[in-house]
Protein backbone atom coordinates (compact mmCIF):
# COMPACT_ATOMS: atom_id res chain seq x y z
CA MET A 1 42.50 -38.56 -35.03
CA VAL A 2 43.24 -37.53 -31.58
CA LYS A 3 44.23 -33.95 -32.80
CA TYR A 4 40.91 -33.69 -34.81
CA LEU A 5 38.85 -34.93 -31.89
CA LYS A 6 40.51 -32.20 -29.68
CA TYR A 7 39.55 -29.48 -32.01
CA LEU A 8 36.08 -30.86 -32.39
CA ILE A 9 35.52 -30.72 -28.77
CA SER A 10 36.59 -27.30 -28.62
CA LEU A 11 34.24 -26.33 -31.29
CA VAL A 12 31.40 -28.24 -29.37
CA ILE A 13 32.25 -26.47 -26.14
CA ALA A 14 32.04 -23.09 -27.99
CA ILE A 15 28.74 -23.81 -29.50
CA ALA A 16 27.34 -25.07 -26.25
CA ILE A 17 28.28 -21.88 -24.55
CA LEU A 18 26.76 -19.80 -27.19
CA TRP A 19 23.52 -22.01 -27.07
CA TYR A 20 23.38 -21.44 -23.41
CA LEU A 21 23.86 -17.83 -23.62
CA PHE A 22 21.27 -17.14 -26.31
CA LYS A 23 18.73 -19.91 -25.78
CA ASP A 24 16.26 -17.72 -24.04
CA GLU A 25 16.90 -14.68 -26.33
CA ASP A 26 14.68 -13.37 -28.99
CA ILE A 27 16.94 -13.97 -31.95
CA PRO A 28 14.86 -12.29 -34.67
CA ALA A 29 14.54 -9.14 -32.41
CA MET A 30 18.25 -9.16 -31.75
CA LEU A 31 19.16 -9.50 -35.53
CA GLN A 32 16.68 -6.53 -36.26
CA GLN A 33 18.46 -4.46 -33.56
CA ALA A 34 21.87 -5.35 -35.18
CA LYS A 35 20.63 -4.48 -38.57
CA SER A 36 19.80 -0.90 -37.21
CA ALA A 37 23.33 -0.57 -35.89
CA ASN A 38 25.56 2.36 -36.89
CA TYR A 39 28.09 0.60 -38.98
CA SER A 40 30.40 3.31 -39.31
CA TRP A 41 31.76 2.58 -35.94
CA ILE A 42 32.02 -1.13 -36.52
CA LEU A 43 34.25 -0.32 -39.76
CA LEU A 44 36.12 2.01 -37.87
CA SER A 45 36.75 -0.80 -35.25
CA ILE A 46 37.84 -3.24 -37.97
CA SER A 47 40.17 -0.62 -39.39
CA MET A 48 41.76 -0.40 -35.99
CA ALA A 49 42.25 -4.01 -35.50
CA LEU A 50 43.98 -4.54 -38.77
CA THR A 51 46.22 -1.51 -38.08
CA SER A 52 47.12 -3.49 -34.65
CA HIS A 53 47.66 -6.62 -36.74
CA TRP A 54 50.00 -4.65 -38.92
CA LEU A 55 52.00 -3.20 -36.02
CA ARG A 56 52.32 -6.72 -34.55
CA ALA A 57 53.92 -7.86 -37.97
CA TYR A 58 56.24 -4.77 -37.83
CA ARG A 59 57.26 -5.74 -34.18
CA TRP A 60 57.88 -9.34 -35.42
CA LYS A 61 60.17 -7.84 -37.99
CA LEU A 62 62.09 -6.16 -35.32
CA PHE A 63 62.26 -9.49 -33.26
CA VAL A 64 63.46 -11.57 -36.29
CA LYS A 65 66.22 -9.21 -37.53
CA PRO A 66 68.80 -10.03 -34.57
CA LEU A 67 68.42 -13.62 -35.70
CA GLY A 68 70.22 -12.83 -39.13
CA PHE A 69 66.98 -12.61 -41.15
CA GLU A 70 65.81 -9.52 -42.73
CA ILE A 71 62.02 -9.83 -43.41
CA SER A 72 59.43 -7.53 -45.06
CA VAL A 73 56.66 -6.15 -42.94
CA PHE A 74 54.17 -6.98 -45.61
CA ARG A 75 55.19 -10.70 -45.77
CA SER A 76 55.37 -10.68 -41.90
CA PHE A 77 51.85 -9.34 -41.92
CA LEU A 78 50.61 -12.05 -44.28
CA ALA A 79 51.89 -14.66 -41.89
CA VAL A 80 50.26 -12.96 -38.95
CA MET A 81 47.07 -12.99 -40.56
CA ILE A 82 47.21 -16.64 -41.67
CA GLY A 83 47.81 -17.33 -38.27
CA TYR A 84 45.04 -15.61 -36.97
CA VAL A 85 42.56 -17.11 -39.35
CA SER A 86 44.03 -20.52 -38.51
CA ASN A 87 43.12 -19.92 -34.81
CA LEU A 88 39.50 -19.71 -35.72
CA VAL A 89 39.63 -23.40 -36.86
CA LEU A 90 42.47 -24.83 -35.00
CA PRO A 91 42.81 -23.11 -31.42
CA ARG A 92 46.31 -22.52 -30.35
CA MET A 93 47.81 -23.83 -33.62
CA GLY A 94 48.01 -20.45 -35.36
CA GLU A 95 51.29 -19.45 -33.83
CA VAL A 96 52.92 -22.69 -35.34
CA ILE A 97 51.18 -22.08 -38.53
CA LYS A 98 52.21 -18.33 -38.77
CA CYS A 99 55.82 -19.46 -38.15
CA GLY A 100 55.46 -21.99 -41.13
CA ALA A 101 53.92 -19.27 -43.22
CA LEU A 102 57.14 -17.07 -42.48
CA LYS A 103 59.40 -20.10 -43.41
CA LYS A 104 57.54 -20.41 -46.73
CA MET A 105 57.83 -16.85 -47.77
CA GLU A 106 61.08 -15.71 -45.94
CA ASN A 107 62.98 -18.85 -45.17
CA VAL A 108 63.25 -18.15 -41.54
CA PRO A 109 63.55 -21.49 -39.51
CA VAL A 110 60.29 -22.22 -37.72
CA SER A 111 62.40 -23.12 -34.57
CA LYS A 112 63.86 -19.58 -34.37
CA SER A 113 60.84 -17.46 -35.40
CA PHE A 114 58.87 -19.76 -32.68
CA GLY A 115 61.13 -18.62 -30.02
CA THR A 116 60.22 -14.90 -30.74
CA ILE A 117 56.46 -16.04 -30.71
CA ILE A 118 57.08 -17.30 -26.99
CA THR A 119 58.74 -13.96 -26.23
CA GLU A 120 55.85 -11.89 -27.63
CA ARG A 121 53.26 -13.89 -25.90
CA ILE A 122 55.20 -13.24 -22.54
CA ILE A 123 55.23 -9.46 -23.39
CA ASP A 124 51.51 -9.71 -24.19
CA LEU A 125 50.78 -11.36 -20.70
CA VAL A 126 52.60 -8.54 -19.19
CA PHE A 127 50.38 -5.87 -20.99
CA LEU A 128 47.27 -7.88 -20.04
CA ALA A 129 48.19 -7.92 -16.39
CA VAL A 130 48.68 -4.05 -16.64
CA VAL A 131 45.18 -3.72 -18.09
CA LEU A 132 43.58 -6.26 -15.63
CA GLY A 133 45.27 -4.47 -12.82
CA LEU A 134 44.38 -0.94 -14.06
CA THR A 135 40.58 -2.07 -14.54
CA PHE A 136 40.50 -3.66 -11.16
CA LEU A 137 42.00 -0.33 -9.47
CA LEU A 138 39.81 2.03 -11.18
CA GLU A 139 36.63 -0.18 -11.05
CA TYR A 140 37.22 -2.04 -7.75
CA GLY A 141 33.89 -1.20 -6.23
CA ARG A 142 32.02 -2.71 -9.21
CA LEU A 143 34.30 -5.72 -9.78
CA LYS A 144 34.68 -7.09 -6.37
CA ASN A 145 31.08 -8.45 -6.19
CA TYR A 146 31.23 -9.68 -9.64
CA LEU A 147 34.37 -11.64 -9.04
CA TYR A 148 33.04 -12.99 -5.78
CA ASN A 149 29.89 -14.16 -7.43
CA LEU A 150 31.83 -15.66 -10.44
CA LEU A 151 34.43 -17.40 -8.37
CA GLY A 152 33.21 -17.61 -4.89
CA ASN A 153 31.41 -21.10 -5.32
CA LYS A 154 34.56 -22.41 -7.06
CA TYR A 155 36.84 -22.18 -3.98
CA GLN A 156 35.69 -25.57 -2.67
CA GLU A 157 36.14 -27.17 -6.00
CA MET A 158 39.74 -25.76 -6.45
CA ALA A 159 40.50 -27.01 -2.84
CA GLY A 160 39.41 -30.57 -3.87
CA ASN A 161 41.66 -30.52 -6.76
CA LEU A 162 44.77 -29.63 -4.96
CA ALA A 163 45.94 -33.31 -5.03
CA ILE A 164 45.86 -33.15 -8.88
CA GLY A 165 47.99 -30.12 -8.55
CA TYR A 166 50.46 -31.80 -6.41
CA TRP A 167 50.86 -34.73 -8.90
CA LEU A 168 51.29 -32.32 -11.84
CA LEU A 169 53.95 -30.41 -9.93
CA ILE A 170 55.65 -33.84 -9.17
CA LEU A 171 55.57 -34.74 -13.02
CA LEU A 172 56.93 -31.40 -13.92
CA LEU A 173 59.90 -31.88 -11.39
CA VAL A 174 60.50 -35.37 -12.87
CA LEU A 175 60.54 -33.86 -16.54
CA VAL A 176 62.94 -31.14 -15.47
CA ALA A 177 65.15 -33.61 -13.75
CA GLY A 178 65.27 -35.79 -16.92
CA VAL A 179 66.19 -32.67 -19.12
CA VAL A 180 68.90 -31.92 -16.74
CA TRP A 181 70.36 -35.62 -16.67
CA MET A 182 70.23 -35.69 -20.52
CA TYR A 183 72.19 -32.45 -20.73
CA LYS A 184 74.80 -33.75 -18.31
CA LYS A 185 74.90 -37.02 -20.46
CA ARG A 186 74.87 -35.21 -23.76
CA GLN A 187 78.31 -36.68 -24.83
CA VAL A 188 76.47 -40.10 -24.84
CA PHE A 189 73.49 -39.03 -26.83
CA ARG A 190 75.13 -36.58 -29.12
CA ASN A 191 75.27 -39.15 -32.04
CA TYR A 192 71.42 -39.79 -31.81
CA PRO A 193 69.44 -38.03 -34.50
CA LEU A 194 66.66 -37.50 -32.11
CA TYR A 195 68.95 -35.66 -29.58
CA ILE A 196 70.56 -33.64 -32.37
CA ASN A 197 67.26 -32.31 -33.72
CA LEU A 198 65.94 -31.68 -30.12
CA ALA A 199 69.09 -29.79 -29.36
CA ASN A 200 68.98 -27.78 -32.48
CA PHE A 201 65.39 -26.79 -31.86
CA THR A 202 65.95 -26.02 -28.27
CA LYS A 203 68.99 -23.56 -29.06
CA ASN A 204 66.93 -21.97 -31.76
CA VAL A 205 63.94 -21.37 -29.51
CA LEU A 206 66.36 -20.03 -26.87
CA GLU A 207 67.97 -17.73 -29.43
CA GLY A 208 64.49 -16.37 -30.28
CA LEU A 209 63.68 -15.82 -26.64
CA THR A 210 66.75 -13.71 -26.21
CA SER A 211 66.40 -11.69 -29.32
CA ILE A 212 64.56 -8.97 -27.54
CA LYS A 213 67.94 -8.02 -25.95
CA LYS A 214 69.58 -7.63 -29.30
CA ILE A 215 66.96 -5.33 -30.87
CA ASN A 216 68.61 -2.24 -32.12
CA ASN A 217 65.09 -0.11 -32.44
CA GLN A 218 64.06 -0.43 -28.99
CA TRP A 219 61.98 2.70 -29.40
CA GLY A 220 60.02 1.13 -32.44
CA PHE A 221 59.60 -2.17 -30.42
CA TRP A 222 58.08 -0.82 -27.28
CA GLY A 223 56.34 1.97 -29.00
CA SER A 224 54.62 -0.60 -31.25
CA SER A 225 53.92 -2.80 -28.37
CA VAL A 226 51.95 0.14 -26.59
CA ALA A 227 50.33 1.12 -29.76
CA ILE A 228 48.93 -2.49 -30.30
CA TRP A 229 47.25 -2.50 -26.81
CA LEU A 230 45.85 1.10 -27.19
CA LEU A 231 44.37 0.05 -30.47
CA TYR A 232 42.91 -3.24 -28.81
CA TYR A 233 41.44 -0.75 -26.21
CA THR A 234 39.96 1.68 -28.78
CA MET A 235 38.65 -0.99 -31.29
CA SER A 236 36.63 -2.47 -28.41
CA TYR A 237 35.42 0.68 -27.10
CA VAL A 238 34.11 2.55 -30.25
CA VAL A 239 31.71 -0.19 -31.14
CA VAL A 240 29.59 0.83 -28.15
CA PHE A 241 28.53 3.78 -30.07
CA ALA A 242 27.11 1.54 -32.66
CA ILE A 243 23.78 0.84 -30.67
CA PRO A 244 21.74 3.31 -28.83
CA GLU A 245 21.74 1.05 -25.68
CA THR A 246 25.40 0.94 -24.96
CA SER A 247 26.41 4.39 -26.35
CA GLY A 248 26.56 6.09 -22.93
CA LEU A 249 29.30 3.86 -21.67
CA SER A 250 32.27 5.64 -20.41
CA PRO A 251 35.87 5.22 -21.55
CA ILE A 252 36.50 3.37 -18.25
CA ALA A 253 33.71 0.88 -19.13
CA GLY A 254 35.70 0.42 -22.35
CA LEU A 255 38.68 -0.60 -20.36
CA THR A 256 36.54 -3.22 -18.53
CA ILE A 257 35.39 -4.47 -21.85
CA LEU A 258 38.87 -4.97 -23.04
CA ALA A 259 39.88 -6.63 -19.72
CA ALA A 260 36.93 -9.09 -19.83
CA GLY A 261 37.10 -9.70 -23.62
CA SER A 262 40.94 -10.45 -23.19
CA ILE A 263 40.26 -13.07 -20.51
CA GLY A 264 37.54 -14.74 -22.92
CA MET A 265 39.93 -14.82 -25.69
CA THR A 266 42.33 -16.94 -23.67
CA ALA A 267 39.84 -19.81 -23.60
CA PRO A 268 40.94 -22.80 -25.59
CA VAL A 269 38.08 -22.52 -28.05
CA GLN A 270 38.04 -21.33 -31.68
CA GLY A 271 38.63 -17.69 -31.59
CA GLY A 272 37.48 -17.43 -28.05
CA MET A 273 33.88 -17.93 -29.18
CA GLY A 274 31.43 -18.17 -26.62
CA ALA A 275 33.68 -17.31 -23.78
CA TYR A 276 34.21 -13.78 -25.15
CA HIS A 277 30.52 -13.25 -25.29
CA PHE A 278 30.07 -14.45 -21.79
CA MET A 279 32.61 -12.51 -20.31
CA VAL A 280 31.80 -9.15 -21.77
CA SER A 281 28.04 -9.45 -21.60
CA THR A 282 28.01 -10.51 -17.83
CA VAL A 283 30.47 -7.67 -16.96
CA LEU A 284 28.47 -4.95 -18.64
CA VAL A 285 25.54 -5.71 -16.29
CA LEU A 286 27.61 -3.97 -13.78
CA TYR A 287 27.22 -0.68 -15.68
CA GLY A 288 23.41 -1.15 -16.06
CA ILE A 289 23.34 -2.55 -19.39
CA ASP A 290 20.73 -5.20 -19.98
CA LEU A 291 22.14 -8.58 -20.25
CA SER A 292 20.49 -9.16 -23.77
CA ASP A 293 21.95 -5.88 -25.02
CA GLY A 294 25.29 -6.87 -23.57
CA LYS A 295 25.15 -10.23 -25.48
CA LEU A 296 24.24 -8.18 -28.61
CA LEU A 297 27.40 -5.85 -28.18
CA ALA A 298 29.79 -8.75 -27.42
CA THR A 299 28.30 -10.28 -30.58
CA ILE A 300 28.98 -7.37 -32.53
CA ILE A 301 32.46 -6.83 -31.49
CA HIS A 302 33.52 -10.51 -31.80
CA THR A 303 31.76 -11.25 -35.13
CA SER A 304 33.13 -7.94 -36.88
CA GLN A 305 36.62 -8.80 -35.81
CA SER A 306 36.22 -12.31 -36.90
CA VAL A 307 34.86 -11.38 -40.17
CA GLY A 308 37.84 -8.94 -40.68
CA VAL A 309 40.25 -11.75 -39.81
CA ILE A 310 38.64 -14.24 -42.11
CA LEU A 311 38.49 -11.90 -45.10
CA VAL A 312 42.10 -10.56 -44.76
CA GLY A 313 43.37 -13.86 -43.54
CA VAL A 314 42.05 -15.87 -46.51
CA ALA A 315 43.34 -13.12 -48.96
CA SER A 316 46.75 -13.47 -47.31
CA LEU A 317 46.87 -17.05 -47.53
CA PHE A 318 46.27 -16.79 -51.47
CA ILE A 319 48.72 -13.92 -51.63
CA SER A 320 51.47 -15.82 -49.97
CA GLY A 321 51.05 -18.69 -52.48
CA THR A 322 52.00 -16.33 -55.19
CA LEU A 323 55.06 -14.88 -53.74
CA GLN A 324 58.52 -16.26 -54.50
CA LYS A 325 60.47 -17.63 -51.52
CA ARG A 326 63.10 -15.27 -50.38
CA ASN A 327 66.69 -16.63 -50.57
CA GLN A 328 68.24 -16.40 -47.13
CA PRO A 329 70.62 -18.83 -45.64
CA GLU A 330 69.59 -20.96 -42.59
CA VAL A 331 71.77 -20.81 -39.80
CA ALA A 332 72.78 -24.31 -38.67
CA ILE A 333 73.31 -25.02 -35.14
CA THR A 334 75.31 -28.16 -33.78
CA PRO A 335 74.89 -29.45 -30.29
CA ASP A 336 77.55 -29.11 -27.76
């Protein structure tokens, strides 16, 4: 019940943000404007997104291979899409479900594949930091006032929450100390099933985290990583040509859309819903775009990508159910 309540709260927050953004808009007029959009650019954006998902599946294949498992890119792609469509319903659970789907199809232990997912997220954070840094460098004049207006009033609130941060830090230190103590006393706990399962899971995760060093095809790995983010940029930018009101935006504005949208997508709500619309529409005002037109563009981008994920993700779920599980040996790890 707690889990379901958490997801329900996330959905309510997303709906509340959308209601706040669009409560004063002329929805029929906005829908009419959307109907007259050039859908060739939108379809191109969806195809670019699916290509980026395929490259992510290819990169995951390279990740998993050093762990002793040879998986197909097609089955990896099915698992990736199942994870994405799951995120639209259960925020932050898509990664676990994706690993479960790969386990079902390719017999790769969840603990091992989840370790590679953690590494992927770290790499994505590095690329996101590069995008944010480059955007701020190129558009410093536009963004400094925007960031001040967005965050300036939050400084006092953040200062008032420092005490909570200190307590969280103390709690983290206690947990770390507890883990170190259990490791030193591992001979005492080694016969307990809970410890054995925890040790197996931890070692498998660590093995997944270090798998990047064992990848033979480093060019393929880093090339696909760069290509994924280039596609993220182009699939966001080409949509601006779908409606006349935003067709004059420059490629640098497209980079700003990617940066703002990426921040919105990190919000703990279903598919970044609401948060994405807010970040993209408000930042487009800096380029002289009317707020209503910015909301429309954000809606077109987010909705088109969500539709693509839903259609392909649901199809992937059904296809995965028809595939025979690959017979690969599971590598057992015993604790020290």
